[in-house]
N, C-alpha and C. Protein backbone atom coordinates (compact mmCIF):
# COMPACT_ATOMS: atom_id res chain seq x y z
N MET A 1 0.81 -1.21 0.00
CA MET A 1 0.00 0.00 0.00
C MET A 1 0.85 1.26 0.00
N GLU A 2 2.02 1.19 0.62
CA GLU A 2 2.86 2.38 0.70
C GLU A 2 3.22 2.94 -0.67
N GLN A 3 3.32 2.08 -1.66
CA GLN A 3 3.71 2.54 -2.98
C GLN A 3 2.65 3.45 -3.60
N TYR A 4 1.43 3.40 -3.08
CA TYR A 4 0.35 4.20 -3.65
C TYR A 4 0.09 5.50 -2.90
N TYR A 5 0.93 5.86 -1.94
CA TYR A 5 0.71 7.09 -1.18
C TYR A 5 0.66 8.32 -2.09
N GLY A 6 1.57 8.40 -3.04
CA GLY A 6 1.59 9.55 -3.93
C GLY A 6 0.32 9.67 -4.75
N VAL A 7 -0.15 8.55 -5.27
CA VAL A 7 -1.38 8.55 -6.07
C VAL A 7 -2.59 8.90 -5.19
N ALA A 8 -2.59 8.38 -3.96
CA ALA A 8 -3.66 8.70 -3.03
C ALA A 8 -3.66 10.19 -2.69
N ILE A 9 -2.49 10.75 -2.50
CA ILE A 9 -2.40 12.19 -2.20
C ILE A 9 -2.90 13.02 -3.38
N VAL A 10 -2.51 12.65 -4.59
CA VAL A 10 -2.99 13.37 -5.78
C VAL A 10 -4.51 13.26 -5.87
N THR A 11 -5.06 12.09 -5.58
CA THR A 11 -6.52 11.91 -5.61
C THR A 11 -7.20 12.85 -4.63
N LEU A 12 -6.66 12.93 -3.42
CA LEU A 12 -7.25 13.82 -2.41
C LEU A 12 -7.04 15.30 -2.76
N LEU A 13 -5.90 15.62 -3.36
CA LEU A 13 -5.68 16.99 -3.81
C LEU A 13 -6.69 17.39 -4.88
N CYS A 14 -7.07 16.42 -5.72
CA CYS A 14 -8.13 16.69 -6.71
C CYS A 14 -9.40 17.13 -6.01
N GLY A 15 -9.73 16.44 -4.91
CA GLY A 15 -10.91 16.83 -4.15
C GLY A 15 -10.78 18.24 -3.59
N LEU A 16 -9.61 18.59 -3.09
CA LEU A 16 -9.40 19.95 -2.56
C LEU A 16 -9.49 21.00 -3.66
N VAL A 17 -8.93 20.70 -4.82
CA VAL A 17 -8.99 21.64 -5.95
C VAL A 17 -10.44 21.83 -6.39
N LEU A 18 -11.20 20.74 -6.47
CA LEU A 18 -12.61 20.86 -6.84
C LEU A 18 -13.40 21.67 -5.81
N PHE A 19 -13.07 21.45 -4.55
CA PHE A 19 -13.72 22.22 -3.49
C PHE A 19 -13.40 23.71 -3.64
N GLY A 20 -12.14 24.02 -3.92
CA GLY A 20 -11.76 25.42 -4.14
C GLY A 20 -12.48 26.03 -5.33
N MET A 21 -12.62 25.24 -6.39
CA MET A 21 -13.34 25.73 -7.57
C MET A 21 -14.81 25.97 -7.24
N ALA A 22 -15.41 25.06 -6.46
CA ALA A 22 -16.81 25.22 -6.07
C ALA A 22 -17.00 26.47 -5.22
N ILE A 23 -16.06 26.74 -4.34
CA ILE A 23 -16.13 27.96 -3.52
C ILE A 23 -16.03 29.19 -4.42
N THR A 24 -15.16 29.13 -5.42
CA THR A 24 -15.03 30.25 -6.35
C THR A 24 -16.34 30.47 -7.09
N VAL A 25 -17.00 29.41 -7.51
CA VAL A 25 -18.30 29.55 -8.17
C VAL A 25 -19.31 30.17 -7.22
N ALA A 26 -19.35 29.72 -5.98
CA ALA A 26 -20.28 30.27 -5.00
C ALA A 26 -20.01 31.74 -4.75
N ARG A 27 -18.75 32.10 -4.62
CA ARG A 27 -18.40 33.52 -4.42
C ARG A 27 -18.76 34.35 -5.63
N THR A 28 -18.60 33.79 -6.81
CA THR A 28 -18.95 34.52 -8.02
C THR A 28 -20.46 34.70 -8.12
N HIS A 29 -21.22 33.69 -7.70
CA HIS A 29 -22.68 33.86 -7.62
C HIS A 29 -23.00 35.07 -6.75
N SER A 30 -22.41 35.11 -5.59
CA SER A 30 -22.67 36.19 -4.63
C SER A 30 -22.21 37.54 -5.18
N ALA A 31 -21.01 37.59 -5.75
CA ALA A 31 -20.45 38.85 -6.25
C ALA A 31 -21.26 39.43 -7.40
N THR A 32 -21.86 38.55 -8.21
CA THR A 32 -22.63 39.02 -9.37
C THR A 32 -24.09 39.27 -9.01
N GLY A 33 -24.51 38.81 -7.84
CA GLY A 33 -25.91 38.95 -7.45
C GLY A 33 -26.83 37.96 -8.15
N ILE A 34 -26.24 37.00 -8.82
CA ILE A 34 -27.02 35.97 -9.52
C ILE A 34 -26.98 34.73 -8.63
N LEU A 35 -28.03 34.54 -7.87
CA LEU A 35 -28.04 33.47 -6.89
C LEU A 35 -28.57 32.18 -7.50
N ALA A 36 -28.06 31.07 -6.95
CA ALA A 36 -28.48 29.74 -7.41
C ALA A 36 -29.99 29.61 -7.25
N PRO A 37 -30.66 28.94 -8.14
CA PRO A 37 -30.13 28.03 -9.13
C PRO A 37 -29.77 28.68 -10.48
N ARG A 38 -29.95 30.00 -10.60
CA ARG A 38 -29.62 30.64 -11.88
C ARG A 38 -28.14 30.49 -12.17
N MET A 39 -27.81 30.28 -13.43
CA MET A 39 -26.42 30.05 -13.82
C MET A 39 -25.97 30.94 -14.96
N THR A 40 -26.81 31.85 -15.38
CA THR A 40 -26.45 32.72 -16.50
C THR A 40 -26.77 34.16 -16.16
N GLY A 41 -26.22 35.05 -16.97
CA GLY A 41 -26.51 36.45 -16.80
C GLY A 41 -25.27 37.31 -16.62
N ASP A 42 -24.15 36.69 -16.31
CA ASP A 42 -22.90 37.43 -16.16
C ASP A 42 -21.77 36.53 -16.69
N PRO A 43 -20.96 37.05 -17.58
CA PRO A 43 -19.88 36.23 -18.15
C PRO A 43 -18.94 35.65 -17.08
N ARG A 44 -18.66 36.41 -16.02
CA ARG A 44 -17.77 35.89 -14.97
C ARG A 44 -18.34 34.65 -14.33
N LEU A 45 -19.63 34.66 -14.06
CA LEU A 45 -20.28 33.50 -13.45
C LEU A 45 -20.29 32.33 -14.43
N GLU A 46 -20.64 32.59 -15.66
CA GLU A 46 -20.69 31.52 -16.65
C GLU A 46 -19.31 30.90 -16.87
N GLN A 47 -18.26 31.71 -16.86
CA GLN A 47 -16.91 31.19 -17.01
C GLN A 47 -16.52 30.33 -15.81
N ALA A 48 -16.84 30.79 -14.60
CA ALA A 48 -16.50 30.02 -13.40
C ALA A 48 -17.23 28.68 -13.38
N ILE A 49 -18.52 28.71 -13.71
CA ILE A 49 -19.31 27.47 -13.74
C ILE A 49 -18.77 26.52 -14.80
N ARG A 50 -18.47 27.04 -15.98
CA ARG A 50 -18.00 26.19 -17.07
C ARG A 50 -16.63 25.58 -16.75
N ALA A 51 -15.74 26.38 -16.18
CA ALA A 51 -14.40 25.88 -15.84
C ALA A 51 -14.49 24.79 -14.77
N HIS A 52 -15.35 24.99 -13.79
CA HIS A 52 -15.55 23.98 -12.74
C HIS A 52 -16.19 22.73 -13.33
N SER A 53 -17.22 22.91 -14.14
CA SER A 53 -17.91 21.76 -14.75
C SER A 53 -16.98 20.97 -15.65
N ASN A 54 -16.13 21.66 -16.40
CA ASN A 54 -15.22 20.95 -17.29
C ASN A 54 -14.24 20.09 -16.50
N THR A 55 -13.81 20.58 -15.36
CA THR A 55 -12.93 19.78 -14.51
C THR A 55 -13.66 18.54 -14.02
N LEU A 56 -14.91 18.70 -13.62
CA LEU A 56 -15.71 17.54 -13.19
C LEU A 56 -15.89 16.54 -14.34
N GLU A 57 -16.02 17.04 -15.56
CA GLU A 57 -16.19 16.17 -16.71
C GLU A 57 -14.94 15.34 -17.01
N TRP A 58 -13.78 15.87 -16.68
CA TRP A 58 -12.53 15.15 -16.94
C TRP A 58 -12.19 14.14 -15.86
N LEU A 59 -12.73 14.31 -14.65
CA LEU A 59 -12.38 13.40 -13.55
C LEU A 59 -12.65 11.93 -13.84
N PRO A 60 -13.78 11.55 -14.44
CA PRO A 60 -14.00 10.12 -14.71
C PRO A 60 -13.04 9.53 -15.74
N ILE A 61 -12.38 10.36 -16.49
CA ILE A 61 -11.36 9.89 -17.42
C ILE A 61 -10.01 9.82 -16.70
N PHE A 62 -9.71 10.89 -15.97
CA PHE A 62 -8.40 11.02 -15.33
C PHE A 62 -8.18 10.05 -14.17
N LEU A 63 -9.08 10.02 -13.20
CA LEU A 63 -8.82 9.23 -11.99
C LEU A 63 -8.64 7.73 -12.24
N PRO A 64 -9.53 7.06 -12.98
CA PRO A 64 -9.29 5.64 -13.24
C PRO A 64 -8.00 5.41 -14.04
N SER A 65 -7.71 6.32 -14.96
CA SER A 65 -6.48 6.18 -15.75
C SER A 65 -5.25 6.28 -14.86
N MET A 66 -5.27 7.23 -13.94
CA MET A 66 -4.13 7.39 -13.04
C MET A 66 -3.94 6.16 -12.16
N TRP A 67 -5.03 5.68 -11.58
CA TRP A 67 -4.92 4.52 -10.68
C TRP A 67 -4.52 3.25 -11.43
N LEU A 68 -5.07 3.04 -12.62
CA LEU A 68 -4.69 1.86 -13.39
C LEU A 68 -3.25 1.95 -13.89
N PHE A 69 -2.81 3.14 -14.24
CA PHE A 69 -1.40 3.34 -14.60
C PHE A 69 -0.51 3.01 -13.40
N ALA A 70 -0.93 3.43 -12.23
CA ALA A 70 -0.16 3.14 -11.00
C ALA A 70 -0.07 1.65 -10.75
N ILE A 71 -1.15 0.94 -10.96
CA ILE A 71 -1.19 -0.50 -10.70
C ILE A 71 -0.38 -1.27 -11.74
N TYR A 72 -0.54 -0.90 -13.01
CA TYR A 72 0.06 -1.70 -14.08
C TYR A 72 1.42 -1.20 -14.57
N TRP A 73 1.78 0.04 -14.26
CA TRP A 73 3.08 0.56 -14.66
C TRP A 73 3.88 1.00 -13.45
N SER A 74 3.59 2.19 -12.96
CA SER A 74 4.40 2.78 -11.90
C SER A 74 3.57 3.77 -11.09
N ALA A 75 3.52 3.53 -9.78
CA ALA A 75 2.79 4.46 -8.90
C ALA A 75 3.48 5.82 -8.86
N THR A 76 4.80 5.81 -8.90
CA THR A 76 5.54 7.08 -8.86
C THR A 76 5.22 7.93 -10.08
N TRP A 77 5.30 7.31 -11.27
CA TRP A 77 5.01 8.07 -12.50
C TRP A 77 3.54 8.46 -12.57
N ALA A 78 2.67 7.63 -12.08
CA ALA A 78 1.25 7.98 -12.05
C ALA A 78 1.03 9.22 -11.19
N ALA A 79 1.69 9.28 -10.04
CA ALA A 79 1.56 10.44 -9.16
C ALA A 79 2.16 11.69 -9.82
N ILE A 80 3.27 11.52 -10.52
CA ILE A 80 3.88 12.66 -11.21
C ILE A 80 2.95 13.20 -12.29
N PHE A 81 2.44 12.30 -13.14
CA PHE A 81 1.50 12.75 -14.18
C PHE A 81 0.21 13.28 -13.57
N GLY A 82 -0.21 12.70 -12.45
CA GLY A 82 -1.37 13.22 -11.74
C GLY A 82 -1.13 14.63 -11.23
N GLY A 83 0.05 14.89 -10.72
CA GLY A 83 0.39 16.25 -10.28
C GLY A 83 0.41 17.22 -11.44
N ILE A 84 0.93 16.75 -12.57
CA ILE A 84 0.93 17.59 -13.78
C ILE A 84 -0.51 17.89 -14.19
N TRP A 85 -1.38 16.89 -14.10
CA TRP A 85 -2.79 17.10 -14.43
C TRP A 85 -3.39 18.18 -13.54
N LEU A 86 -3.10 18.11 -12.25
CA LEU A 86 -3.62 19.11 -11.31
C LEU A 86 -3.14 20.51 -11.66
N VAL A 87 -1.85 20.64 -11.96
CA VAL A 87 -1.31 21.94 -12.36
C VAL A 87 -2.03 22.44 -13.61
N GLY A 88 -2.24 21.55 -14.57
CA GLY A 88 -2.95 21.93 -15.79
C GLY A 88 -4.38 22.37 -15.52
N ARG A 89 -5.08 21.65 -14.64
CA ARG A 89 -6.47 22.02 -14.33
C ARG A 89 -6.54 23.36 -13.60
N ILE A 90 -5.59 23.60 -12.71
CA ILE A 90 -5.58 24.90 -12.02
C ILE A 90 -5.28 26.01 -13.01
N ALA A 91 -4.30 25.79 -13.90
CA ALA A 91 -4.00 26.79 -14.93
C ALA A 91 -5.20 27.02 -15.83
N TYR A 92 -5.90 25.95 -16.18
CA TYR A 92 -7.11 26.05 -17.00
C TYR A 92 -8.14 26.93 -16.30
N PHE A 93 -8.39 26.64 -15.02
CA PHE A 93 -9.41 27.37 -14.26
C PHE A 93 -9.06 28.85 -14.14
N VAL A 94 -7.83 29.13 -13.74
CA VAL A 94 -7.40 30.52 -13.59
C VAL A 94 -7.44 31.24 -14.93
N GLY A 95 -6.96 30.56 -15.97
CA GLY A 95 -6.99 31.16 -17.30
C GLY A 95 -8.39 31.44 -17.78
N TYR A 96 -9.29 30.50 -17.58
CA TYR A 96 -10.67 30.66 -18.02
C TYR A 96 -11.34 31.83 -17.30
N LEU A 97 -11.04 31.99 -16.02
CA LEU A 97 -11.65 33.09 -15.27
C LEU A 97 -11.13 34.45 -15.75
N SER A 98 -9.87 34.51 -16.15
CA SER A 98 -9.33 35.80 -16.60
C SER A 98 -9.78 36.14 -18.02
N ALA A 99 -9.79 35.16 -18.90
CA ALA A 99 -10.25 35.34 -20.28
C ALA A 99 -10.36 33.95 -20.89
N PRO A 100 -11.51 33.60 -21.46
CA PRO A 100 -11.71 32.24 -21.96
C PRO A 100 -10.60 31.70 -22.86
N LEU A 101 -10.00 32.54 -23.68
CA LEU A 101 -8.95 32.05 -24.57
C LEU A 101 -7.67 31.71 -23.81
N LYS A 102 -7.54 32.15 -22.57
CA LYS A 102 -6.35 31.84 -21.78
C LYS A 102 -6.43 30.47 -21.12
N ARG A 103 -7.48 29.73 -21.40
CA ARG A 103 -7.61 28.40 -20.81
C ARG A 103 -6.81 27.33 -21.56
N TYR A 104 -6.42 27.63 -22.77
CA TYR A 104 -5.80 26.61 -23.63
C TYR A 104 -4.49 26.02 -23.11
N PRO A 105 -3.56 26.81 -22.57
CA PRO A 105 -2.33 26.17 -22.05
C PRO A 105 -2.62 25.13 -20.96
N GLY A 106 -3.50 25.47 -20.03
CA GLY A 106 -3.87 24.52 -18.98
C GLY A 106 -4.58 23.31 -19.54
N PHE A 107 -5.43 23.52 -20.53
CA PHE A 107 -6.14 22.41 -21.15
C PHE A 107 -5.15 21.47 -21.84
N PHE A 108 -4.17 22.03 -22.52
CA PHE A 108 -3.16 21.22 -23.19
C PHE A 108 -2.36 20.39 -22.18
N ILE A 109 -1.93 21.02 -21.10
CA ILE A 109 -1.15 20.32 -20.07
C ILE A 109 -1.92 19.14 -19.51
N GLN A 110 -3.15 19.38 -19.09
CA GLN A 110 -3.93 18.30 -18.48
C GLN A 110 -4.32 17.24 -19.50
N SER A 111 -4.55 17.63 -20.74
CA SER A 111 -4.89 16.66 -21.79
C SER A 111 -3.73 15.71 -22.04
N VAL A 112 -2.53 16.24 -22.15
CA VAL A 112 -1.36 15.39 -22.38
C VAL A 112 -1.17 14.43 -21.22
N ALA A 113 -1.25 14.94 -19.99
CA ALA A 113 -1.10 14.07 -18.81
C ALA A 113 -2.16 12.98 -18.80
N THR A 114 -3.39 13.33 -19.10
CA THR A 114 -4.47 12.36 -19.11
C THR A 114 -4.25 11.29 -20.16
N PHE A 115 -3.88 11.69 -21.36
CA PHE A 115 -3.71 10.72 -22.43
C PHE A 115 -2.51 9.81 -22.19
N ILE A 116 -1.46 10.31 -21.56
CA ILE A 116 -0.34 9.44 -21.19
C ILE A 116 -0.82 8.39 -20.21
N LEU A 117 -1.56 8.82 -19.20
CA LEU A 117 -2.08 7.87 -18.20
C LEU A 117 -3.07 6.89 -18.83
N LEU A 118 -4.00 7.39 -19.62
CA LEU A 118 -5.03 6.56 -20.22
C LEU A 118 -4.44 5.55 -21.21
N LEU A 119 -3.67 6.04 -22.15
CA LEU A 119 -3.12 5.14 -23.17
C LEU A 119 -2.03 4.24 -22.58
N GLY A 120 -1.29 4.75 -21.60
CA GLY A 120 -0.30 3.92 -20.94
C GLY A 120 -0.93 2.76 -20.19
N ALA A 121 -1.97 3.05 -19.43
CA ALA A 121 -2.67 1.99 -18.70
C ALA A 121 -3.33 1.02 -19.65
N LEU A 122 -4.03 1.53 -20.65
CA LEU A 122 -4.71 0.66 -21.60
C LEU A 122 -3.72 -0.22 -22.36
N GLY A 123 -2.64 0.38 -22.82
CA GLY A 123 -1.65 -0.39 -23.55
C GLY A 123 -1.02 -1.49 -22.71
N ARG A 124 -0.70 -1.17 -21.47
CA ARG A 124 -0.08 -2.17 -20.59
C ARG A 124 -1.07 -3.30 -20.26
N ILE A 125 -2.30 -2.94 -19.98
CA ILE A 125 -3.30 -3.96 -19.67
C ILE A 125 -3.52 -4.88 -20.87
N LEU A 126 -3.65 -4.31 -22.05
CA LEU A 126 -3.83 -5.13 -23.26
C LEU A 126 -2.61 -6.01 -23.50
N PHE A 127 -1.42 -5.47 -23.32
CA PHE A 127 -0.21 -6.25 -23.50
C PHE A 127 -0.18 -7.44 -22.55
N LEU A 128 -0.48 -7.20 -21.28
CA LEU A 128 -0.45 -8.28 -20.30
C LEU A 128 -1.56 -9.30 -20.54
N TRP A 129 -2.69 -8.84 -21.00
CA TRP A 129 -3.82 -9.72 -21.25
C TRP A 129 -3.53 -10.64 -22.43
N ILE A 130 -2.95 -10.06 -23.49
CA ILE A 130 -2.70 -10.81 -24.70
C ILE A 130 -1.52 -11.77 -24.55
N SER A 131 -0.51 -11.36 -23.78
CA SER A 131 0.68 -12.22 -23.69
C SER A 131 0.59 -13.30 -22.64
């Protein structure tokens, strides 16, 4: 179990990052005067909601990929790529809030990390299954 500490920490950090994003959305609701359940009417609110939602949409791809990569390849590398994913998601969120076009560098970073984990895990599992 000790070998998975890094991956477990990255998983929990994902939860903290999502919590921080949710707080940002709540604060933006309050700052704009657009209270829940309304989600439109101010670009700042719509950007915050979309950036948070997009992160939630990527989690079901990222988390299983990271854990399976850790199991079938390397827990250390899975944690490293997981950390890179987190940095990318934070950059995406901050960029999106400042100007929607500034989200692309963060999106690229997290996409590359995700695809390395996803394709790495899938490739290794298929290789082991077939051989």
